[in-house]
Amino acid sequence: MNWSKAYIAGWIVILTVLAFYEFWAGYGPQKHTPMLTQVTVRYVPWYVTMPFLTWLWIHFCMRYAIPAYKLSLEGLGKAIKLPF
């Protein structure tokens, strides 16, 4: 297993665990378990959140605009190269 496969697998595991926790907190048997989104909104100040969201928006625009443009020029098989 090379590094890129381990990296992607790690992120998939982390995001899956977070998604299951959100679901469990929302629909589980304990009614007072806070969801991560509620904790984030309640305890992370706006001056931390806004620069992160701005960076995220710029990152997505820069990262995904180029492959979409290549996809329209080259076709599906040549533009999208998966790391595994």
N, C-alpha and C. Protein backbone atom coordinates (compact mmCIF):
# COMPACT_ATOMS: atom_id res chain seq x y z
N MET A 1 0.84 -1.17 0.00
CA MET A 1 0.00 0.00 0.00
C MET A 1 0.90 1.24 0.00
N ASN A 2 0.66 2.11 -0.95
CA ASN A 2 1.48 3.32 -1.00
C ASN A 2 0.85 4.44 -0.18
N TRP A 3 1.55 5.55 -0.10
CA TRP A 3 1.14 6.64 0.76
C TRP A 3 -0.18 7.25 0.34
N SER A 4 -0.43 7.44 -0.94
CA SER A 4 -1.66 8.10 -1.37
C SER A 4 -2.89 7.24 -1.04
N LYS A 5 -2.78 5.93 -1.17
CA LYS A 5 -3.90 5.07 -0.80
C LYS A 5 -4.17 5.12 0.70
N ALA A 6 -3.11 5.12 1.50
CA ALA A 6 -3.28 5.20 2.95
C ALA A 6 -3.87 6.55 3.36
N TYR A 7 -3.45 7.61 2.71
CA TYR A 7 -3.95 8.95 3.00
C TYR A 7 -5.44 9.04 2.70
N ILE A 8 -5.84 8.57 1.53
CA ILE A 8 -7.25 8.60 1.15
C ILE A 8 -8.07 7.70 2.07
N ALA A 9 -7.57 6.52 2.36
CA ALA A 9 -8.29 5.61 3.26
C ALA A 9 -8.44 6.23 4.65
N GLY A 10 -7.43 6.91 5.13
CA GLY A 10 -7.50 7.56 6.43
C GLY A 10 -8.58 8.64 6.47
N TRP A 11 -8.64 9.46 5.43
CA TRP A 11 -9.67 10.50 5.38
C TRP A 11 -11.06 9.89 5.26
N ILE A 12 -11.19 8.82 4.50
CA ILE A 12 -12.50 8.16 4.39
C ILE A 12 -12.95 7.63 5.75
N VAL A 13 -12.02 7.04 6.50
CA VAL A 13 -12.35 6.52 7.82
C VAL A 13 -12.75 7.67 8.76
N ILE A 14 -11.98 8.74 8.78
CA ILE A 14 -12.28 9.87 9.66
C ILE A 14 -13.65 10.47 9.34
N LEU A 15 -13.91 10.72 8.07
CA LEU A 15 -15.19 11.32 7.68
C LEU A 15 -16.36 10.38 7.93
N THR A 16 -16.15 9.09 7.76
CA THR A 16 -17.21 8.12 8.04
C THR A 16 -17.54 8.09 9.53
N VAL A 17 -16.51 8.09 10.37
CA VAL A 17 -16.74 8.10 11.82
C VAL A 17 -17.48 9.38 12.22
N LEU A 18 -17.09 10.53 11.68
CA LEU A 18 -17.78 11.78 12.00
C LEU A 18 -19.24 11.76 11.54
N ALA A 19 -19.49 11.21 10.35
CA ALA A 19 -20.86 11.12 9.86
C ALA A 19 -21.71 10.20 10.73
N PHE A 20 -21.16 9.07 11.13
CA PHE A 20 -21.91 8.17 12.00
C PHE A 20 -22.15 8.80 13.37
N TYR A 21 -21.18 9.57 13.89
CA TYR A 21 -21.40 10.24 15.17
C TYR A 21 -22.52 11.27 15.05
N GLU A 22 -22.53 12.04 13.97
CA GLU A 22 -23.60 13.01 13.76
C GLU A 22 -24.96 12.32 13.72
N PHE A 23 -25.03 11.22 13.00
CA PHE A 23 -26.30 10.48 12.91
C PHE A 23 -26.69 9.94 14.28
N TRP A 24 -25.73 9.36 15.00
CA TRP A 24 -26.01 8.79 16.32
C TRP A 24 -26.43 9.88 17.32
N ALA A 25 -25.76 11.03 17.26
CA ALA A 25 -26.11 12.12 18.17
C ALA A 25 -27.50 12.67 17.87
N GLY A 26 -27.88 12.67 16.62
CA GLY A 26 -29.19 13.20 16.24
C GLY A 26 -30.33 12.23 16.48
N TYR A 27 -30.09 10.94 16.27
CA TYR A 27 -31.18 9.96 16.33
C TYR A 27 -30.96 8.86 17.35
N GLY A 28 -29.92 8.96 18.18
CA GLY A 28 -29.60 7.92 19.14
C GLY A 28 -30.54 7.92 20.34
N PRO A 29 -30.32 6.97 21.25
CA PRO A 29 -31.21 6.86 22.40
C PRO A 29 -31.04 7.98 23.43
N GLN A 30 -29.87 8.59 23.49
CA GLN A 30 -29.64 9.67 24.45
C GLN A 30 -30.02 11.00 23.80
N LYS A 31 -30.94 11.69 24.38
CA LYS A 31 -31.46 12.92 23.76
C LYS A 31 -30.61 14.16 24.03
N HIS A 32 -29.64 14.08 24.93
CA HIS A 32 -28.86 15.27 25.28
C HIS A 32 -27.44 15.24 24.71
N THR A 33 -27.15 14.35 23.76
CA THR A 33 -25.84 14.31 23.13
C THR A 33 -25.79 15.40 22.06
N PRO A 34 -24.86 16.36 22.18
CA PRO A 34 -24.82 17.44 21.18
C PRO A 34 -24.19 16.95 19.88
N MET A 35 -24.74 17.43 18.78
CA MET A 35 -24.16 17.12 17.48
C MET A 35 -22.93 18.00 17.28
N LEU A 36 -21.99 17.54 16.45
CA LEU A 36 -20.76 18.30 16.23
C LEU A 36 -21.04 19.66 15.60
N THR A 37 -22.05 19.73 14.75
CA THR A 37 -22.39 21.02 14.15
C THR A 37 -22.90 21.99 15.21
N GLN A 38 -23.65 21.52 16.18
CA GLN A 38 -24.12 22.38 17.26
C GLN A 38 -22.96 22.85 18.13
N VAL A 39 -22.04 21.96 18.42
CA VAL A 39 -20.87 22.32 19.23
C VAL A 39 -20.02 23.35 18.49
N THR A 40 -19.85 23.17 17.19
CA THR A 40 -19.06 24.10 16.39
C THR A 40 -19.69 25.48 16.37
N VAL A 41 -21.00 25.54 16.14
CA VAL A 41 -21.68 26.83 16.09
C VAL A 41 -21.66 27.51 17.45
N ARG A 42 -21.77 26.74 18.50
CA ARG A 42 -21.84 27.32 19.84
C ARG A 42 -20.49 27.78 20.37
N TYR A 43 -19.41 27.03 20.08
CA TYR A 43 -18.14 27.29 20.76
C TYR A 43 -17.01 27.82 19.88
N VAL A 44 -17.16 27.81 18.58
CA VAL A 44 -16.12 28.35 17.69
C VAL A 44 -16.55 29.74 17.26
N PRO A 45 -15.77 30.78 17.57
CA PRO A 45 -16.18 32.15 17.26
C PRO A 45 -16.16 32.42 15.75
N TRP A 46 -16.92 33.42 15.36
CA TRP A 46 -17.06 33.74 13.95
C TRP A 46 -15.74 34.16 13.33
N TYR A 47 -14.86 34.81 14.09
CA TYR A 47 -13.59 35.28 13.52
C TYR A 47 -12.60 34.14 13.28
N VAL A 48 -12.92 32.94 13.76
CA VAL A 48 -12.14 31.75 13.41
C VAL A 48 -12.81 31.04 12.23
N THR A 49 -14.12 31.02 12.25
CA THR A 49 -14.87 30.30 11.23
C THR A 49 -14.80 30.98 9.86
N MET A 50 -14.96 32.29 9.81
CA MET A 50 -15.02 32.99 8.52
C MET A 50 -13.73 32.90 7.70
N PRO A 51 -12.54 33.08 8.29
CA PRO A 51 -11.34 32.89 7.47
C PRO A 51 -11.21 31.46 6.95
N PHE A 52 -11.59 30.48 7.78
CA PHE A 52 -11.54 29.09 7.32
C PHE A 52 -12.50 28.86 6.17
N LEU A 53 -13.73 29.35 6.27
CA LEU A 53 -14.70 29.16 5.19
C LEU A 53 -14.28 29.90 3.93
N THR A 54 -13.68 31.07 4.09
CA THR A 54 -13.18 31.81 2.92
C THR A 54 -12.05 31.02 2.25
N TRP A 55 -11.12 30.51 3.04
CA TRP A 55 -10.05 29.70 2.48
C TRP A 55 -10.60 28.47 1.78
N LEU A 56 -11.59 27.82 2.40
CA LEU A 56 -12.17 26.61 1.82
C LEU A 56 -12.84 26.91 0.48
N TRP A 57 -13.57 28.01 0.41
CA TRP A 57 -14.24 28.39 -0.83
C TRP A 57 -13.22 28.67 -1.93
N ILE A 58 -12.17 29.42 -1.63
CA ILE A 58 -11.13 29.73 -2.61
C ILE A 58 -10.41 28.45 -3.04
N HIS A 59 -10.13 27.58 -2.09
CA HIS A 59 -9.46 26.31 -2.38
C HIS A 59 -10.30 25.47 -3.33
N PHE A 60 -11.58 25.33 -3.07
CA PHE A 60 -12.44 24.54 -3.94
C PHE A 60 -12.53 25.16 -5.34
N CYS A 61 -12.64 26.47 -5.40
CA CYS A 61 -12.70 27.13 -6.71
C CYS A 61 -11.42 26.90 -7.51
N MET A 62 -10.28 27.03 -6.86
CA MET A 62 -9.01 26.85 -7.57
C MET A 62 -8.78 25.38 -7.91
N ARG A 63 -9.12 24.49 -7.01
CA ARG A 63 -8.81 23.08 -7.19
C ARG A 63 -9.71 22.41 -8.22
N TYR A 64 -10.99 22.74 -8.21
CA TYR A 64 -11.93 22.01 -9.04
C TYR A 64 -12.32 22.71 -10.32
N ALA A 65 -11.91 23.94 -10.52
CA ALA A 65 -12.21 24.62 -11.77
C ALA A 65 -11.36 24.08 -12.91
N ILE A 66 -10.10 23.77 -12.64
CA ILE A 66 -9.19 23.28 -13.68
C ILE A 66 -9.60 21.90 -14.20
N PRO A 67 -9.88 20.91 -13.33
CA PRO A 67 -10.30 19.61 -13.87
C PRO A 67 -11.61 19.68 -14.64
N ALA A 68 -12.53 20.54 -14.24
CA ALA A 68 -13.79 20.65 -14.98
C ALA A 68 -13.53 21.22 -16.37
N TYR A 69 -12.61 22.18 -16.48
CA TYR A 69 -12.28 22.73 -17.77
C TYR A 69 -11.58 21.69 -18.64
N LYS A 70 -10.65 20.93 -18.05
CA LYS A 70 -9.98 19.87 -18.80
C LYS A 70 -10.96 18.79 -19.23
N LEU A 71 -11.92 18.50 -18.38
CA LEU A 71 -12.92 17.49 -18.69
C LEU A 71 -13.72 17.90 -19.92
N SER A 72 -14.05 19.16 -20.01
CA SER A 72 -14.83 19.62 -21.17
C SER A 72 -14.01 19.58 -22.45
N LEU A 73 -12.69 19.71 -22.36
CA LEU A 73 -11.84 19.70 -23.54
C LEU A 73 -11.38 18.31 -23.95
N GLU A 74 -11.04 17.47 -22.96
CA GLU A 74 -10.39 16.20 -23.25
C GLU A 74 -11.30 14.99 -23.16
N GLY A 75 -12.37 15.09 -22.44
CA GLY A 75 -13.24 13.93 -22.26
C GLY A 75 -13.01 13.31 -20.89
N LEU A 76 -13.90 12.43 -20.49
CA LEU A 76 -13.91 11.89 -19.14
C LEU A 76 -12.69 11.06 -18.81
N GLY A 77 -12.25 10.21 -19.70
CA GLY A 77 -11.17 9.28 -19.40
C GLY A 77 -9.81 9.94 -19.21
N LYS A 78 -9.55 11.02 -19.90
CA LYS A 78 -8.24 11.64 -19.83
C LYS A 78 -8.13 12.68 -18.72
N ALA A 79 -9.22 13.33 -18.36
CA ALA A 79 -9.16 14.43 -17.40
C ALA A 79 -9.14 13.97 -15.95
N ILE A 80 -9.82 12.88 -15.64
CA ILE A 80 -9.91 12.43 -14.25
C ILE A 80 -8.95 11.30 -14.04
N LYS A 81 -7.96 11.53 -13.17
CA LYS A 81 -6.98 10.51 -12.84
C LYS A 81 -7.06 10.23 -11.35
N LEU A 82 -7.58 9.09 -10.98
CA LEU A 82 -7.68 8.73 -9.59
C LEU A 82 -6.34 8.21 -9.08
N PRO A 83 -6.02 8.44 -7.81
CA PRO A 83 -4.72 8.02 -7.29
C PRO A 83 -4.62 6.53 -7.01
N PHE A 84 -5.69 5.77 -7.18
CA PHE A 84 -5.62 4.33 -6.93
C PHE A 84 -6.17 3.55 -8.08
